[in-house]
Amino acid sequence: MIHEINEIVSLVSTGPIGTNTYILKNSPVIVIDPGFGIGHHLKEECVVLLTHSHYDHICGLNEIKVTKVYVSEEDLQGLGDPSVNKSRFFGNSFVYDGSFDIFQDTLTIGKWHFDVIRTPGHTKGSVVLSTDGMFFTGDTIFMDSIGRTDFPESDEKKMVESIKMLLNIFKKVDPDLLVLPGHMEWGKVKELLKRNYFLREALI
């Protein structure tokens, strides 16, 4: 089921573990983190942006008409290595071998302009994508928690640094801007600052 966040962004919660896939109106359509089953909701050609390359965020790539994938250089290996993208945990050996490009610090696709914020921690190349009053945070930060740091490619110290950096950003922006994570519910910056324990700890 598609949930309309606003007139230009839709959310589909997809398998295998409730990944938030975002569809942005554009020509071509922009998809952020395509999860399993996204092909049922999207038939047009699209450009894909990945916050990181874990299986639950890339497994829908082979279901949709992808013209290009954007991923960080540090997470590129996950597109072609099932042990890195964790698809083997799900009894699969997922590989994407289509067209890709590496994120630079900014990216413009049609009417959308993205700032690419590097947030290593959950993976080496995790990013937060900021655009038009919204933050797509992947598995770096959720409304009530943060992403796991117990994977081989994770780094707890870098995650702490990334969270502190994001806190400085969130403290300076409009509190009504949207935070759109890779899992669970979404909300506004002011709600995130109030609810997220890890951000409150970073204030100390």
N, C-alpha and C. Protein backbone atom coordinates (compact mmCIF):
# COMPACT_ATOMS: atom_id res chain seq x y z
N MET A 1 0.84 -1.20 0.00
CA MET A 1 0.00 0.00 0.00
C MET A 1 0.88 1.26 0.00
N ILE A 2 0.51 2.22 -0.84
CA ILE A 2 1.27 3.47 -0.92
C ILE A 2 0.68 4.50 0.03
N HIS A 3 1.55 5.13 0.80
CA HIS A 3 1.13 6.22 1.68
C HIS A 3 1.67 7.53 1.12
N GLU A 4 0.79 8.50 0.92
CA GLU A 4 1.20 9.79 0.39
C GLU A 4 1.70 10.68 1.53
N ILE A 5 3.00 10.92 1.57
CA ILE A 5 3.55 11.80 2.59
C ILE A 5 3.17 13.25 2.29
N ASN A 6 3.30 13.63 1.05
CA ASN A 6 2.84 14.93 0.57
C ASN A 6 2.55 14.79 -0.93
N GLU A 7 2.39 15.90 -1.61
CA GLU A 7 2.01 15.83 -3.02
C GLU A 7 3.13 15.36 -3.93
N ILE A 8 4.35 15.26 -3.43
CA ILE A 8 5.47 14.89 -4.29
C ILE A 8 6.23 13.66 -3.82
N VAL A 9 5.96 13.16 -2.63
CA VAL A 9 6.67 12.01 -2.08
C VAL A 9 5.68 10.97 -1.56
N SER A 10 5.90 9.71 -1.96
CA SER A 10 5.09 8.60 -1.48
C SER A 10 5.98 7.60 -0.77
N LEU A 11 5.38 6.86 0.15
CA LEU A 11 6.09 5.85 0.93
C LEU A 11 5.43 4.49 0.73
N VAL A 12 6.26 3.49 0.44
CA VAL A 12 5.80 2.11 0.41
C VAL A 12 6.63 1.32 1.41
N SER A 13 5.98 0.70 2.38
CA SER A 13 6.69 -0.16 3.32
C SER A 13 6.79 -1.54 2.70
N THR A 14 8.02 -1.99 2.45
CA THR A 14 8.26 -3.20 1.68
C THR A 14 8.99 -4.26 2.51
N GLY A 15 8.93 -5.51 2.06
CA GLY A 15 9.63 -6.60 2.71
C GLY A 15 11.12 -6.54 2.41
N PRO A 16 11.91 -7.44 2.99
CA PRO A 16 11.47 -8.51 3.88
C PRO A 16 11.32 -8.08 5.34
N ILE A 17 11.80 -6.89 5.71
CA ILE A 17 11.70 -6.48 7.13
C ILE A 17 11.19 -5.05 7.26
N GLY A 18 10.17 -4.72 6.49
CA GLY A 18 9.54 -3.41 6.64
C GLY A 18 10.43 -2.25 6.28
N THR A 19 11.03 -2.32 5.11
CA THR A 19 11.87 -1.22 4.63
C THR A 19 11.00 -0.11 4.05
N ASN A 20 11.32 1.12 4.37
CA ASN A 20 10.62 2.26 3.79
C ASN A 20 11.25 2.62 2.45
N THR A 21 10.48 2.40 1.39
CA THR A 21 10.89 2.80 0.05
C THR A 21 10.16 4.08 -0.30
N TYR A 22 10.89 5.08 -0.77
CA TYR A 22 10.29 6.37 -1.10
C TYR A 22 10.28 6.58 -2.60
N ILE A 23 9.16 7.07 -3.11
CA ILE A 23 8.99 7.37 -4.53
C ILE A 23 8.76 8.86 -4.67
N LEU A 24 9.62 9.52 -5.45
CA LEU A 24 9.56 10.97 -5.62
C LEU A 24 9.09 11.29 -7.04
N LYS A 25 8.08 12.14 -7.13
CA LYS A 25 7.58 12.53 -8.44
C LYS A 25 8.64 13.33 -9.18
N ASN A 26 8.91 12.91 -10.40
CA ASN A 26 9.94 13.54 -11.19
C ASN A 26 9.93 12.87 -12.56
N SER A 27 10.67 13.41 -13.48
CA SER A 27 10.88 12.75 -14.77
C SER A 27 12.39 12.69 -15.02
N PRO A 28 13.02 11.51 -14.82
CA PRO A 28 12.40 10.24 -14.44
C PRO A 28 12.04 10.20 -12.95
N VAL A 29 11.19 9.22 -12.61
CA VAL A 29 10.83 8.99 -11.22
C VAL A 29 12.10 8.68 -10.42
N ILE A 30 12.13 9.15 -9.17
CA ILE A 30 13.25 8.86 -8.28
C ILE A 30 12.77 7.90 -7.19
N VAL A 31 13.53 6.85 -6.96
CA VAL A 31 13.23 5.89 -5.91
C VAL A 31 14.39 5.86 -4.92
N ILE A 32 14.07 5.95 -3.65
CA ILE A 32 15.08 5.85 -2.61
C ILE A 32 14.90 4.55 -1.87
N ASP A 33 15.93 3.70 -1.91
CA ASP A 33 15.99 2.42 -1.19
C ASP A 33 14.86 1.46 -1.59
N PRO A 34 14.91 0.89 -2.79
CA PRO A 34 13.84 0.00 -3.25
C PRO A 34 13.87 -1.36 -2.55
N GLY A 35 12.83 -1.64 -1.78
CA GLY A 35 12.72 -2.91 -1.09
C GLY A 35 11.92 -3.93 -1.89
N PHE A 36 11.80 -5.10 -1.33
CA PHE A 36 11.10 -6.21 -1.98
C PHE A 36 9.63 -5.85 -2.25
N GLY A 37 9.18 -6.09 -3.47
CA GLY A 37 7.79 -5.84 -3.82
C GLY A 37 7.52 -4.48 -4.41
N ILE A 38 8.54 -3.63 -4.52
CA ILE A 38 8.32 -2.29 -5.05
C ILE A 38 7.85 -2.33 -6.50
N GLY A 39 8.18 -3.41 -7.19
CA GLY A 39 7.76 -3.54 -8.59
C GLY A 39 6.26 -3.58 -8.78
N HIS A 40 5.52 -3.92 -7.72
CA HIS A 40 4.06 -3.92 -7.80
C HIS A 40 3.50 -2.50 -7.83
N HIS A 41 4.29 -1.54 -7.41
CA HIS A 41 3.81 -0.17 -7.27
C HIS A 41 4.41 0.79 -8.29
N LEU A 42 5.42 0.36 -9.01
CA LEU A 42 6.13 1.27 -9.91
C LEU A 42 6.44 0.56 -11.22
N LYS A 43 5.93 1.10 -12.32
CA LYS A 43 6.15 0.51 -13.64
C LYS A 43 7.02 1.40 -14.52
N GLU A 44 7.17 2.67 -14.19
CA GLU A 44 7.93 3.59 -15.02
C GLU A 44 9.44 3.41 -14.82
N GLU A 45 10.20 3.93 -15.78
CA GLU A 45 11.65 3.99 -15.60
C GLU A 45 11.97 4.91 -14.42
N CYS A 46 13.06 4.59 -13.74
CA CYS A 46 13.39 5.38 -12.55
C CYS A 46 14.89 5.44 -12.33
N VAL A 47 15.29 6.45 -11.57
CA VAL A 47 16.64 6.57 -11.04
C VAL A 47 16.57 6.21 -9.56
N VAL A 48 17.54 5.43 -9.09
CA VAL A 48 17.52 4.95 -7.72
C VAL A 48 18.66 5.58 -6.92
N LEU A 49 18.33 6.05 -5.73
CA LEU A 49 19.31 6.57 -4.78
C LEU A 49 19.34 5.64 -3.58
N LEU A 50 20.52 5.20 -3.17
CA LEU A 50 20.67 4.28 -2.06
C LEU A 50 21.32 4.97 -0.86
N THR A 51 20.66 4.89 0.27
CA THR A 51 21.28 5.41 1.49
C THR A 51 22.39 4.49 1.97
N HIS A 52 22.29 3.21 1.62
CA HIS A 52 23.35 2.22 1.86
C HIS A 52 22.97 0.97 1.08
N SER A 53 23.85 -0.04 1.10
CA SER A 53 23.64 -1.16 0.20
C SER A 53 23.32 -2.49 0.90
N HIS A 54 22.63 -2.43 2.03
CA HIS A 54 22.14 -3.67 2.63
C HIS A 54 20.96 -4.21 1.83
N TYR A 55 20.81 -5.52 1.87
CA TYR A 55 19.85 -6.23 1.01
C TYR A 55 18.44 -5.68 1.09
N ASP A 56 17.97 -5.39 2.29
CA ASP A 56 16.58 -4.93 2.41
C ASP A 56 16.34 -3.58 1.76
N HIS A 57 17.41 -2.86 1.43
CA HIS A 57 17.28 -1.56 0.78
C HIS A 57 17.60 -1.61 -0.71
N ILE A 58 18.05 -2.76 -1.19
CA ILE A 58 18.39 -2.87 -2.61
C ILE A 58 17.69 -4.02 -3.32
N CYS A 59 16.97 -4.87 -2.56
CA CYS A 59 16.45 -6.10 -3.16
C CYS A 59 15.38 -5.85 -4.21
N GLY A 60 14.80 -4.64 -4.25
CA GLY A 60 13.82 -4.32 -5.27
C GLY A 60 14.42 -3.83 -6.58
N LEU A 61 15.74 -3.72 -6.64
CA LEU A 61 16.38 -3.19 -7.85
C LEU A 61 16.05 -4.02 -9.08
N ASN A 62 15.97 -5.32 -8.91
CA ASN A 62 15.72 -6.19 -10.06
C ASN A 62 14.25 -6.30 -10.42
N GLU A 63 13.39 -5.57 -9.70
CA GLU A 63 11.95 -5.59 -9.99
C GLU A 63 11.51 -4.38 -10.83
N ILE A 64 12.34 -3.36 -10.89
CA ILE A 64 11.92 -2.11 -11.50
C ILE A 64 12.84 -1.75 -12.67
N LYS A 65 12.39 -0.78 -13.47
CA LYS A 65 13.14 -0.37 -14.66
C LYS A 65 14.12 0.73 -14.28
N VAL A 66 15.30 0.30 -13.88
CA VAL A 66 16.30 1.23 -13.35
C VAL A 66 17.18 1.74 -14.49
N THR A 67 17.28 3.05 -14.61
CA THR A 67 18.21 3.62 -15.59
C THR A 67 19.59 3.85 -14.99
N LYS A 68 19.62 4.17 -13.70
CA LYS A 68 20.90 4.35 -13.02
C LYS A 68 20.68 4.28 -11.51
N VAL A 69 21.69 3.74 -10.84
CA VAL A 69 21.72 3.68 -9.38
C VAL A 69 22.83 4.59 -8.88
N TYR A 70 22.53 5.38 -7.86
CA TYR A 70 23.55 6.18 -7.18
C TYR A 70 23.81 5.58 -5.81
N VAL A 71 25.09 5.40 -5.50
CA VAL A 71 25.50 4.79 -4.24
C VAL A 71 26.83 5.41 -3.84
N SER A 72 27.15 5.38 -2.56
CA SER A 72 28.45 5.88 -2.12
C SER A 72 29.55 4.91 -2.56
N GLU A 73 30.73 5.43 -2.74
CA GLU A 73 31.85 4.58 -3.16
C GLU A 73 32.13 3.49 -2.13
N GLU A 74 31.99 3.85 -0.85
CA GLU A 74 32.29 2.90 0.22
C GLU A 74 31.29 1.75 0.27
N ASP A 75 30.08 1.97 -0.21
CA ASP A 75 29.05 0.93 -0.18
C ASP A 75 28.84 0.25 -1.53
N LEU A 76 29.63 0.61 -2.50
CA LEU A 76 29.46 0.05 -3.84
C LEU A 76 29.61 -1.47 -3.85
N GLN A 77 30.49 -1.99 -3.05
CA GLN A 77 30.74 -3.43 -3.04
C GLN A 77 29.47 -4.22 -2.71
N GLY A 78 28.59 -3.63 -1.94
CA GLY A 78 27.37 -4.32 -1.55
C GLY A 78 26.45 -4.63 -2.71
N LEU A 79 26.58 -3.92 -3.81
CA LEU A 79 25.73 -4.20 -4.97
C LEU A 79 26.09 -5.53 -5.62
N GLY A 80 27.33 -5.95 -5.46
CA GLY A 80 27.77 -7.14 -6.17
C GLY A 80 28.25 -8.28 -5.29
N ASP A 81 28.14 -8.12 -3.97
CA ASP A 81 28.66 -9.14 -3.06
C ASP A 81 27.58 -9.52 -2.04
N PRO A 82 26.99 -10.72 -2.18
CA PRO A 82 25.93 -11.15 -1.27
C PRO A 82 26.35 -11.22 0.19
N SER A 83 27.62 -11.46 0.45
CA SER A 83 28.07 -11.51 1.84
C SER A 83 28.12 -10.12 2.45
N VAL A 84 28.38 -9.11 1.62
CA VAL A 84 28.42 -7.73 2.11
C VAL A 84 27.01 -7.16 2.23
N ASN A 85 26.15 -7.42 1.24
CA ASN A 85 24.80 -6.84 1.31
C ASN A 85 23.85 -7.62 2.21
N LYS A 86 24.30 -8.74 2.74
CA LYS A 86 23.56 -9.54 3.73
C LYS A 86 22.40 -10.33 3.13
N SER A 87 22.34 -10.46 1.81
CA SER A 87 21.23 -11.21 1.22
C SER A 87 21.28 -12.68 1.61
N ARG A 88 22.45 -13.20 1.92
CA ARG A 88 22.55 -14.60 2.32
C ARG A 88 21.85 -14.89 3.64
N PHE A 89 21.68 -13.85 4.46
CA PHE A 89 20.91 -14.03 5.69
C PHE A 89 19.45 -14.35 5.39
N PHE A 90 19.01 -13.98 4.19
CA PHE A 90 17.63 -14.19 3.78
C PHE A 90 17.50 -15.36 2.78
N GLY A 91 18.53 -16.18 2.69
CA GLY A 91 18.50 -17.32 1.80
C GLY A 91 18.60 -16.96 0.34
N ASN A 92 19.24 -15.85 0.05
CA ASN A 92 19.35 -15.37 -1.32
C ASN A 92 20.82 -15.01 -1.60
N SER A 93 21.13 -14.84 -2.86
CA SER A 93 22.46 -14.34 -3.24
C SER A 93 22.24 -13.21 -4.23
N PHE A 94 21.89 -12.06 -3.69
CA PHE A 94 21.48 -10.94 -4.53
C PHE A 94 22.69 -10.20 -5.10
N VAL A 95 22.61 -9.92 -6.39
CA VAL A 95 23.62 -9.13 -7.08
C VAL A 95 22.91 -8.17 -8.03
N TYR A 96 23.34 -6.93 -8.05
CA TYR A 96 22.87 -5.96 -9.03
C TYR A 96 24.05 -5.61 -9.92
N ASP A 97 23.89 -5.79 -11.23
CA ASP A 97 25.00 -5.52 -12.14
C ASP A 97 24.64 -4.50 -13.22
N GLY A 98 23.67 -3.65 -12.90
CA GLY A 98 23.26 -2.62 -13.85
C GLY A 98 24.09 -1.35 -13.73
N SER A 99 23.63 -0.30 -14.38
CA SER A 99 24.34 0.97 -14.41
C SER A 99 24.33 1.64 -13.04
N PHE A 100 25.46 2.23 -12.68
CA PHE A 100 25.54 2.94 -11.41
C PHE A 100 26.44 4.14 -11.54
N ASP A 101 26.34 5.02 -10.55
CA ASP A 101 27.25 6.16 -10.44
C ASP A 101 27.51 6.39 -8.96
N ILE A 102 28.60 7.07 -8.67
CA ILE A 102 29.01 7.31 -7.29
C ILE A 102 28.51 8.69 -6.85
N PHE A 103 27.95 8.73 -5.66
CA PHE A 103 27.51 10.01 -5.10
C PHE A 103 28.67 10.99 -5.01
N GLN A 104 28.42 12.22 -5.43
CA GLN A 104 29.28 13.34 -5.10
C GLN A 104 28.61 14.07 -3.92
N ASP A 105 29.05 15.25 -3.60
CA ASP A 105 28.47 15.95 -2.45
C ASP A 105 27.08 16.49 -2.73
N THR A 106 26.77 16.73 -4.00
CA THR A 106 25.44 17.18 -4.39
C THR A 106 25.01 16.39 -5.63
N LEU A 107 23.69 16.37 -5.84
CA LEU A 107 23.15 15.64 -6.99
C LEU A 107 21.87 16.33 -7.42
N THR A 108 21.75 16.60 -8.73
CA THR A 108 20.54 17.18 -9.27
C THR A 108 19.94 16.21 -10.30
N ILE A 109 18.68 15.87 -10.10
CA ILE A 109 17.94 15.02 -11.03
C ILE A 109 16.61 15.70 -11.31
N GLY A 110 16.45 16.21 -12.51
CA GLY A 110 15.23 16.94 -12.83
C GLY A 110 15.08 18.14 -11.93
N LYS A 111 13.94 18.22 -11.26
CA LYS A 111 13.67 19.36 -10.38
C LYS A 111 14.21 19.16 -8.96
N TRP A 112 14.81 18.01 -8.70
CA TRP A 112 15.28 17.70 -7.36
C TRP A 112 16.77 17.97 -7.21
N HIS A 113 17.12 18.65 -6.13
CA HIS A 113 18.52 18.88 -5.78
C HIS A 113 18.79 18.26 -4.41
N PHE A 114 19.76 17.36 -4.34
CA PHE A 114 20.08 16.66 -3.10
C PHE A 114 21.45 17.08 -2.58
N ASP A 115 21.52 17.27 -1.28
CA ASP A 115 22.80 17.34 -0.59
C ASP A 115 23.06 15.97 0.00
N VAL A 116 24.24 15.43 -0.27
CA VAL A 116 24.60 14.10 0.19
C VAL A 116 25.45 14.24 1.46
N ILE A 117 24.88 13.85 2.59
CA ILE A 117 25.54 13.98 3.88
C ILE A 117 26.14 12.62 4.25
N ARG A 118 27.45 12.57 4.39
CA ARG A 118 28.12 11.30 4.69
C ARG A 118 27.95 10.96 6.17
N THR A 119 27.38 9.79 6.43
CA THR A 119 27.11 9.39 7.82
C THR A 119 27.57 7.96 8.07
N PRO A 120 28.86 7.68 8.00
CA PRO A 120 29.34 6.32 8.27
C PRO A 120 28.99 5.88 9.68
N GLY A 121 28.82 4.58 9.82
CA GLY A 121 28.48 4.03 11.13
C GLY A 121 27.73 2.72 10.95
N HIS A 122 26.51 2.79 10.44
CA HIS A 122 25.74 1.58 10.15
C HIS A 122 26.45 0.78 9.06
N THR A 123 26.88 1.46 8.01
CA THR A 123 27.81 0.91 7.02
C THR A 123 28.89 1.96 6.80
N LYS A 124 29.93 1.57 6.09
CA LYS A 124 31.03 2.51 5.84
C LYS A 124 30.59 3.69 4.99
N GLY A 125 29.64 3.44 4.08
CA GLY A 125 29.24 4.48 3.15
C GLY A 125 27.83 4.97 3.30
N SER A 126 27.23 4.81 4.46
CA SER A 126 25.86 5.31 4.67
C SER A 126 25.79 6.81 4.42
N VAL A 127 24.67 7.23 3.84
CA VAL A 127 24.46 8.66 3.61
C VAL A 127 23.05 9.05 4.04
N VAL A 128 22.89 10.31 4.35
CA VAL A 128 21.59 10.95 4.52
C VAL A 128 21.41 11.90 3.35
N LEU A 129 20.25 11.85 2.73
CA LEU A 129 19.96 12.70 1.58
C LEU A 129 19.02 13.81 1.99
N SER A 130 19.47 15.04 1.82
CA SER A 130 18.68 16.21 2.20
C SER A 130 18.19 16.92 0.95
N THR A 131 16.89 17.20 0.90
CA THR A 131 16.32 17.87 -0.26
C THR A 131 14.97 18.48 0.06
N ASP A 132 14.73 19.68 -0.40
CA ASP A 132 13.40 20.29 -0.42
C ASP A 132 12.62 20.09 0.89
N GLY A 133 13.28 20.36 2.02
CA GLY A 133 12.59 20.28 3.30
C GLY A 133 12.46 18.89 3.87
N MET A 134 13.28 17.95 3.37
CA MET A 134 13.20 16.57 3.84
C MET A 134 14.58 15.98 4.03
N PHE A 135 14.69 15.07 5.00
CA PHE A 135 15.90 14.31 5.23
C PHE A 135 15.56 12.82 5.10
N PHE A 136 16.15 12.17 4.10
CA PHE A 136 16.01 10.72 3.96
C PHE A 136 17.20 10.10 4.68
N THR A 137 16.94 9.49 5.84
CA THR A 137 18.03 9.13 6.74
C THR A 137 18.45 7.67 6.68
N GLY A 138 17.82 6.86 5.84
CA GLY A 138 18.22 5.46 5.73
C GLY A 138 18.21 4.77 7.08
N ASP A 139 19.27 4.01 7.36
CA ASP A 139 19.37 3.33 8.65
C ASP A 139 20.36 4.02 9.58
N THR A 140 20.70 5.26 9.28
CA THR A 140 21.56 6.00 10.20
C THR A 140 20.78 6.39 11.44
N ILE A 141 19.60 6.95 11.25
CA ILE A 141 18.82 7.37 12.41
C ILE A 141 17.33 7.19 12.13
N PHE A 142 16.62 6.69 13.15
CA PHE A 142 15.18 6.54 13.12
C PHE A 142 14.57 7.52 14.12
N MET A 143 13.27 7.59 14.15
CA MET A 143 12.63 8.54 15.06
C MET A 143 12.96 8.26 16.52
N ASP A 144 13.12 6.98 16.87
CA ASP A 144 13.35 6.62 18.27
C ASP A 144 14.70 5.96 18.52
N SER A 145 15.48 5.73 17.48
CA SER A 145 16.72 4.98 17.68
C SER A 145 17.70 5.26 16.53
N ILE A 146 18.73 4.43 16.45
CA ILE A 146 19.71 4.53 15.37
C ILE A 146 19.92 3.14 14.77
N GLY A 147 20.64 3.09 13.65
CA GLY A 147 20.91 1.81 13.01
C GLY A 147 21.92 0.97 13.77
N ARG A 148 21.88 -0.32 13.49
CA ARG A 148 22.79 -1.26 14.14
C ARG A 148 24.24 -0.95 13.80
N THR A 149 25.12 -1.24 14.76
CA THR A 149 26.55 -1.05 14.52
C THR A 149 27.33 -2.32 14.85
N ASP A 150 26.65 -3.48 14.78
CA ASP A 150 27.31 -4.74 15.12
C ASP A 150 27.64 -5.59 13.90
N PHE A 151 27.52 -5.00 12.70
CA PHE A 151 27.94 -5.71 11.50
C PHE A 151 29.45 -5.51 11.28
N PRO A 152 30.08 -6.42 10.51
CA PRO A 152 31.52 -6.25 10.24
C PRO A 152 31.85 -4.91 9.58
N GLU A 153 30.92 -4.40 8.76
CA GLU A 153 31.17 -3.14 8.06
C GLU A 153 30.71 -1.92 8.86
N SER A 154 30.23 -2.15 10.07
CA SER A 154 29.77 -1.04 10.91
C SER A 154 30.92 -0.50 11.75
N ASP A 155 30.69 0.69 12.30
CA ASP A 155 31.71 1.32 13.13
C ASP A 155 31.00 2.19 14.17
N GLU A 156 31.02 1.73 15.40
CA GLU A 156 30.28 2.43 16.46
C GLU A 156 30.83 3.83 16.71
N LYS A 157 32.15 3.99 16.68
CA LYS A 157 32.73 5.31 16.92
C LYS A 157 32.33 6.29 15.82
N LYS A 158 32.36 5.82 14.58
CA LYS A 158 31.95 6.69 13.48
C LYS A 158 30.47 7.01 13.55
N MET A 159 29.68 6.05 14.03
CA MET A 159 28.25 6.33 14.18
C MET A 159 28.03 7.45 15.19
N VAL A 160 28.75 7.43 16.29
CA VAL A 160 28.64 8.49 17.28
C VAL A 160 28.98 9.84 16.65
N GLU A 161 30.03 9.88 15.85
CA GLU A 161 30.42 11.12 15.18
C GLU A 161 29.34 11.56 14.21
N SER A 162 28.75 10.62 13.49
CA SER A 162 27.70 10.96 12.52
C SER A 162 26.47 11.50 13.22
N ILE A 163 26.11 10.90 14.35
CA ILE A 163 24.94 11.36 15.09
C ILE A 163 25.16 12.77 15.62
N LYS A 164 26.35 13.04 16.11
CA LYS A 164 26.65 14.39 16.61
C LYS A 164 26.58 15.41 15.47
N MET A 165 27.08 15.02 14.30
CA MET A 165 27.03 15.92 13.15
C MET A 165 25.58 16.19 12.75
N LEU A 166 24.76 15.13 12.72
CA LEU A 166 23.35 15.31 12.36
C LEU A 166 22.63 16.17 13.39
N LEU A 167 22.97 15.99 14.65
CA LEU A 167 22.35 16.82 15.69
C LEU A 167 22.63 18.29 15.42
N ASN A 168 23.85 18.63 15.07
CA ASN A 168 24.18 20.03 14.77
C ASN A 168 23.38 20.55 13.58
N ILE A 169 23.15 19.69 12.61
CA ILE A 169 22.34 20.09 11.46
C ILE A 169 20.89 20.29 11.87
N PHE A 170 20.34 19.31 12.59
CA PHE A 170 18.93 19.35 12.96
C PHE A 170 18.60 20.52 13.89
N LYS A 171 19.56 20.92 14.72
CA LYS A 171 19.34 22.04 15.63
C LYS A 171 19.22 23.37 14.90
N LYS A 172 19.75 23.44 13.67
CA LYS A 172 19.81 24.70 12.95
C LYS A 172 18.73 24.86 11.88
N VAL A 173 18.02 23.78 11.57
CA VAL A 173 17.04 23.85 10.49
C VAL A 173 15.64 24.09 11.03
N ASP A 174 14.72 24.34 10.13
CA ASP A 174 13.32 24.48 10.48
C ASP A 174 12.84 23.21 11.19
N PRO A 175 12.31 23.33 12.40
CA PRO A 175 11.90 22.13 13.15
C PRO A 175 10.75 21.36 12.51
N ASP A 176 10.09 21.96 11.54
CA ASP A 176 8.99 21.27 10.87
C ASP A 176 9.42 20.51 9.62
N LEU A 177 10.72 20.51 9.31
CA LEU A 177 11.19 19.71 8.18
C LEU A 177 10.97 18.22 8.49
N LEU A 178 10.82 17.43 7.43
CA LEU A 178 10.49 16.02 7.60
C LEU A 178 11.74 15.15 7.71
N VAL A 179 11.64 14.15 8.57
CA VAL A 179 12.66 13.10 8.70
C VAL A 179 12.04 11.81 8.21
N LEU A 180 12.64 11.22 7.16
CA LEU A 180 12.07 10.05 6.50
C LEU A 180 13.08 8.90 6.57
N PRO A 181 12.96 8.06 7.60
CA PRO A 181 13.95 7.00 7.84
C PRO A 181 13.73 5.77 6.96
N GLY A 182 14.69 4.84 7.06
CA GLY A 182 14.63 3.62 6.28
C GLY A 182 13.71 2.56 6.85
N HIS A 183 13.26 2.74 8.08
CA HIS A 183 12.34 1.80 8.72
C HIS A 183 11.43 2.55 9.68
N MET A 184 10.32 1.95 9.97
CA MET A 184 9.38 2.44 10.97
C MET A 184 8.79 3.79 10.58
N GLU A 185 8.32 4.52 11.55
CA GLU A 185 7.56 5.73 11.27
C GLU A 185 8.46 6.91 10.90
N TRP A 186 7.84 7.92 10.31
CA TRP A 186 8.53 9.15 9.95
C TRP A 186 7.90 10.29 10.74
N GLY A 187 8.57 11.45 10.71
CA GLY A 187 8.03 12.58 11.46
C GLY A 187 8.78 13.85 11.14
N LYS A 188 8.73 14.79 12.06
CA LYS A 188 9.38 16.08 11.88
C LYS A 188 10.64 16.18 12.73
N VAL A 189 11.49 17.10 12.35
CA VAL A 189 12.75 17.29 13.07
C VAL A 189 12.50 17.54 14.55
N LYS A 190 11.51 18.37 14.88
CA LYS A 190 11.25 18.68 16.28
C LYS A 190 10.83 17.45 17.07
N GLU A 191 10.13 16.52 16.41
CA GLU A 191 9.74 15.27 17.07
C GLU A 191 10.95 14.37 17.26
N LEU A 192 11.81 14.33 16.26
CA LEU A 192 13.03 13.53 16.36
C LEU A 192 13.90 14.01 17.52
N LEU A 193 14.09 15.32 17.63
CA LEU A 193 14.93 15.86 18.69
C LEU A 193 14.34 15.57 20.07
N LYS A 194 13.05 15.49 20.16
CA LYS A 194 12.38 15.23 21.43
C LYS A 194 12.40 13.74 21.78
N ARG A 195 12.24 12.90 20.78
CA ARG A 195 12.02 11.47 21.04
C ARG A 195 13.28 10.62 21.00
N ASN A 196 14.28 11.03 20.25
CA ASN A 196 15.41 10.14 19.99
C ASN A 196 16.44 10.22 21.13
N TYR A 197 16.57 9.13 21.84
CA TYR A 197 17.47 9.06 23.00
C TYR A 197 18.91 9.36 22.61
N PHE A 198 19.33 8.87 21.46
CA PHE A 198 20.73 9.02 21.06
C PHE A 198 21.07 10.47 20.74
N LEU A 199 20.12 11.21 20.21
CA LEU A 199 20.34 12.64 19.98
C LEU A 199 20.38 13.37 21.31
N ARG A 200 19.53 13.00 22.25
CA ARG A 200 19.54 13.64 23.57
C ARG A 200 20.86 13.38 24.28
N GLU A 201 21.39 12.17 24.13
CA GLU A 201 22.68 11.84 24.75
C GLU A 201 23.80 12.65 24.13
N ALA A 202 23.70 12.91 22.85
CA ALA A 202 24.74 13.67 22.16
C ALA A 202 24.78 15.11 22.61
N LEU A 203 23.69 15.57 23.22
CA LEU A 203 23.65 16.93 23.75
C LEU A 203 24.50 17.08 25.01
N ILE A 204 24.75 15.98 25.66
CA ILE A 204 25.47 16.02 26.96
C ILE A 204 26.97 16.27 26.75
